[in-house]
Amino acid sequence: MLVEFPKVAQERGAEGPRRWFSDDEMDLIVWFAEDGVLVGFELCYGKSRRERAYGWRRGGALSHFVVDDGESTPLRNDTPILTAGGEGDRAKILADFLSRAAGLERGIVDCVGAVLRGD
């Protein structure tokens, strides 16, 4: 089940706060405007396998990424980055997200669900 990190570093110059939820297979980072409206999210999944992510910002399209963990060699420890990653299986990831989201606020679940469904 996704659980919120209690203290999340906030981004300088952001229009509002961000929150981070995590479990063993998923991370959900959500961004809000100052008025409390959800304006973006990044849903990372497959953390124990080949990690991928969906990203969305208000007014934009849903994007799918492969997470390059930066661990291509044991001699370096680079920062993970998102690279283009095709479409992904939105229906499968939505079902998995909903099964893990029981403790999240309804507004967050509804917004992420609507974007993943393409509503």
C-alpha atoms as a PDB file:
ATOM      1  CA  MET A   1       0.000   0.000   0.000  1.00  0.00           C
ATOM      2  CA  LEU A   2       1.285   3.456  -0.899  1.00  0.00           C
ATOM      3  CA  VAL A   3       2.365   5.395   2.197  1.00  0.00           C
ATOM      4  CA  GLU A   4       3.281   9.080   2.300  1.00  0.00           C
ATOM      5  CA  PHE A   5       6.773  10.246   3.180  1.00  0.00           C
ATOM      6  CA  PRO A   6       6.229  12.738   6.008  1.00  0.00           C
ATOM      7  CA  LYS A   7       8.970  15.210   5.022  1.00  0.00           C
ATOM      8  CA  VAL A   8       9.525  15.829   1.322  1.00  0.00           C
ATOM      9  CA  ALA A   9      11.964  18.451   0.088  1.00  0.00           C
ATOM     10  CA  GLN A  10      10.103  21.126  -1.815  1.00  0.00           C
ATOM     11  CA  GLU A  11      11.290  22.498  -5.141  1.00  0.00           C
ATOM     12  CA  ARG A  12      12.423  26.097  -5.307  1.00  0.00           C
ATOM     13  CA  GLY A  13      10.195  28.252  -7.461  1.00  0.00           C
ATOM     14  CA  ALA A  14       7.442  25.627  -7.683  1.00  0.00           C
ATOM     15  CA  GLU A  15       3.892  26.912  -7.877  1.00  0.00           C
ATOM     16  CA  GLY A  16       2.904  24.822  -4.860  1.00  0.00           C
ATOM     17  CA  PRO A  17       3.879  21.851  -2.701  1.00  0.00           C
ATOM     18  CA  ARG A  18       4.696  18.321  -3.763  1.00  0.00           C
ATOM     19  CA  ARG A  19       3.954  15.095  -1.931  1.00  0.00           C
ATOM     20  CA  TRP A  20       5.521  11.645  -2.277  1.00  0.00           C
ATOM     21  CA  PHE A  21       3.939   8.237  -1.676  1.00  0.00           C
ATOM     22  CA  SER A  22       5.798   4.928  -1.921  1.00  0.00           C
ATOM     23  CA  ASP A  23       5.672   1.178  -1.432  1.00  0.00           C
ATOM     24  CA  ASP A  24       7.839  -1.733  -2.562  1.00  0.00           C
ATOM     25  CA  GLU A  25       6.789  -1.500  -6.246  1.00  0.00           C
ATOM     26  CA  MET A  26       5.497   2.046  -6.857  1.00  0.00           C
ATOM     27  CA  ASP A  27       6.274   5.673  -6.167  1.00  0.00           C
ATOM     28  CA  LEU A  28       3.762   8.457  -6.730  1.00  0.00           C
ATOM     29  CA  ILE A  29       4.953  12.050  -6.636  1.00  0.00           C
ATOM     30  CA  VAL A  30       2.229  14.674  -6.960  1.00  0.00           C
ATOM     31  CA  TRP A  31       2.515  18.427  -7.476  1.00  0.00           C
ATOM     32  CA  PHE A  32      -0.134  20.917  -6.397  1.00  0.00           C
ATOM     33  CA  ALA A  33      -0.862  24.549  -7.185  1.00  0.00           C
ATOM     34  CA  GLU A  34      -1.040  26.930  -4.244  1.00  0.00           C
ATOM     35  CA  ASP A  35      -4.835  26.620  -4.292  1.00  0.00           C
ATOM     36  CA  GLY A  36      -4.572  22.848  -3.698  1.00  0.00           C
ATOM     37  CA  VAL A  37      -5.378  21.691  -7.244  1.00  0.00           C
ATOM     38  CA  LEU A  38      -3.309  18.735  -8.434  1.00  0.00           C
ATOM     39  CA  VAL A  39      -1.252  19.976 -11.390  1.00  0.00           C
ATOM     40  CA  GLY A  40       1.046  17.042 -12.111  1.00  0.00           C
ATOM     41  CA  PHE A  41       2.210  13.604 -11.129  1.00  0.00           C
ATOM     42  CA  GLU A  42       4.868  11.009 -11.771  1.00  0.00           C
ATOM     43  CA  LEU A  43       3.865   7.389 -11.183  1.00  0.00           C
ATOM     44  CA  CYS A  44       6.879   5.073 -11.121  1.00  0.00           C
ATOM     45  CA  TYR A  45       6.278   1.327 -11.224  1.00  0.00           C
ATOM     46  CA  GLY A  46       8.227  -1.910 -11.499  1.00  0.00           C
ATOM     47  CA  LYS A  47      10.811  -0.808  -8.944  1.00  0.00           C
ATOM     48  CA  SER A  48      12.015  -4.378  -8.334  1.00  0.00           C
ATOM     49  CA  ARG A  49      12.275  -5.129 -12.065  1.00  0.00           C
ATOM     50  CA  ARG A  50      12.831  -2.660 -14.883  1.00  0.00           C
ATOM     51  CA  GLU A  51      11.433   0.577 -13.535  1.00  0.00           C
ATOM     52  CA  ARG A  52       9.191   2.707 -15.735  1.00  0.00           C
ATOM     53  CA  ALA A  53       7.110   5.814 -15.134  1.00  0.00           C
ATOM     54  CA  TYR A  54       4.115   7.770 -16.323  1.00  0.00           C
ATOM     55  CA  GLY A  55       4.349  11.537 -16.085  1.00  0.00           C
ATOM     56  CA  TRP A  56       1.667  14.170 -16.536  1.00  0.00           C
ATOM     57  CA  ARG A  57       1.382  17.935 -16.114  1.00  0.00           C
ATOM     58  CA  ARG A  58      -1.875  19.900 -16.305  1.00  0.00           C
ATOM     59  CA  GLY A  59      -2.476  21.015 -19.877  1.00  0.00           C
ATOM     60  CA  GLY A  60      -0.127  18.387 -21.280  1.00  0.00           C
ATOM     61  CA  ALA A  61      -0.277  14.814 -22.456  1.00  0.00           C
ATOM     62  CA  LEU A  62       0.512  11.708 -20.446  1.00  0.00           C
ATOM     63  CA  SER A  63       4.058  10.509 -21.156  1.00  0.00           C
ATOM     64  CA  HIS A  64       5.662   7.115 -20.568  1.00  0.00           C
ATOM     65  CA  PHE A  65       9.310   6.662 -19.610  1.00  0.00           C
ATOM     66  CA  VAL A  66      11.953   4.064 -18.857  1.00  0.00           C
ATOM     67  CA  VAL A  67      13.934   4.865 -15.720  1.00  0.00           C
ATOM     68  CA  ASP A  68      17.666   4.679 -16.384  1.00  0.00           C
ATOM     69  CA  ASP A  69      18.929   3.910 -12.885  1.00  0.00           C
ATOM     70  CA  GLY A  70      22.437   5.198 -13.618  1.00  0.00           C
ATOM     71  CA  GLU A  71      23.975   1.891 -12.568  1.00  0.00           C
ATOM     72  CA  SER A  72      25.468   0.780 -15.903  1.00  0.00           C
ATOM     73  CA  THR A  73      28.829   0.136 -14.270  1.00  0.00           C
ATOM     74  CA  PRO A  74      29.782  -0.695 -10.667  1.00  0.00           C
ATOM     75  CA  LEU A  75      32.466   1.999 -10.839  1.00  0.00           C
ATOM     76  CA  ARG A  76      29.918   4.867 -10.989  1.00  0.00           C
ATOM     77  CA  ASN A  77      26.737   5.800  -9.200  1.00  0.00           C
ATOM     78  CA  ASP A  78      24.928   8.200 -11.539  1.00  0.00           C
ATOM     79  CA  THR A  79      21.589   9.885 -10.866  1.00  0.00           C
ATOM     80  CA  PRO A  80      18.575   8.064 -12.326  1.00  0.00           C
ATOM     81  CA  ILE A  81      16.986   9.799 -15.323  1.00  0.00           C
ATOM     82  CA  LEU A  82      13.810   9.328 -17.367  1.00  0.00           C
ATOM     83  CA  THR A  83      14.179   8.376 -21.028  1.00  0.00           C
ATOM     84  CA  ALA A  84      11.502   7.888 -23.717  1.00  0.00           C
ATOM     85  CA  GLY A  85       9.772   4.569 -23.178  1.00  0.00           C
ATOM     86  CA  GLY A  86       6.869   3.881 -25.526  1.00  0.00           C
ATOM     87  CA  GLU A  87       3.287   3.440 -24.383  1.00  0.00           C
ATOM     88  CA  GLY A  88       3.260   0.946 -21.514  1.00  0.00           C
ATOM     89  CA  ASP A  89       0.172  -0.965 -20.339  1.00  0.00           C
ATOM     90  CA  ARG A  90      -1.969   1.791 -18.811  1.00  0.00           C
ATOM     91  CA  ALA A  91      -4.879  -0.489 -17.886  1.00  0.00           C
ATOM     92  CA  LYS A  92      -2.602  -2.890 -16.008  1.00  0.00           C
ATOM     93  CA  ILE A  93      -0.759  -0.093 -14.211  1.00  0.00           C
ATOM     94  CA  LEU A  94      -4.027   1.648 -13.336  1.00  0.00           C
ATOM     95  CA  ALA A  95      -5.377  -1.565 -11.761  1.00  0.00           C
ATOM     96  CA  ASP A  96      -2.139  -2.020  -9.810  1.00  0.00           C
ATOM     97  CA  PHE A  97      -2.176   1.629  -8.695  1.00  0.00           C
ATOM     98  CA  LEU A  98      -5.799   1.395  -7.513  1.00  0.00           C
ATOM     99  CA  SER A  99      -5.010  -1.733  -5.491  1.00  0.00           C
ATOM    100  CA  ARG A 100      -2.170   0.123  -3.736  1.00  0.00           C
ATOM    101  CA  ALA A 101      -3.953   3.466  -3.259  1.00  0.00           C
ATOM    102  CA  ALA A 102      -6.428   2.608  -0.487  1.00  0.00           C
ATOM    103  CA  GLY A 103      -4.811   5.073   1.948  1.00  0.00           C
ATOM    104  CA  LEU A 104      -4.608   8.021  -0.460  1.00  0.00           C
ATOM    105  CA  GLU A 105      -7.044  10.916  -0.605  1.00  0.00           C
ATOM    106  CA  ARG A 106      -9.873  10.391  -3.076  1.00  0.00           C
ATOM    107  CA  GLY A 107      -8.952  13.506  -5.093  1.00  0.00           C
ATOM    108  CA  ILE A 108      -5.450  12.206  -5.799  1.00  0.00           C
ATOM    109  CA  VAL A 109      -6.706   8.732  -6.749  1.00  0.00           C
ATOM    110  CA  ASP A 110      -9.436  10.182  -8.970  1.00  0.00           C
ATOM    111  CA  CYS A 111      -7.073  12.528 -10.817  1.00  0.00           C
ATOM    112  CA  VAL A 112      -4.355   9.907 -11.435  1.00  0.00           C
ATOM    113  CA  GLY A 113      -7.016   7.388 -12.474  1.00  0.00           C
ATOM    114  CA  ALA A 114      -8.703   9.790 -14.891  1.00  0.00           C
ATOM    115  CA  VAL A 115      -5.408  10.666 -16.588  1.00  0.00           C
ATOM    116  CA  LEU A 116      -4.359   7.013 -16.904  1.00  0.00           C
ATOM    117  CA  ARG A 117      -7.777   6.104 -18.340  1.00  0.00           C
ATOM    118  CA  GLY A 118      -7.547   8.995 -20.799  1.00  0.00           C
ATOM    119  CA  ASP A 119     -10.697  10.722 -19.481  1.00  0.00           C
END
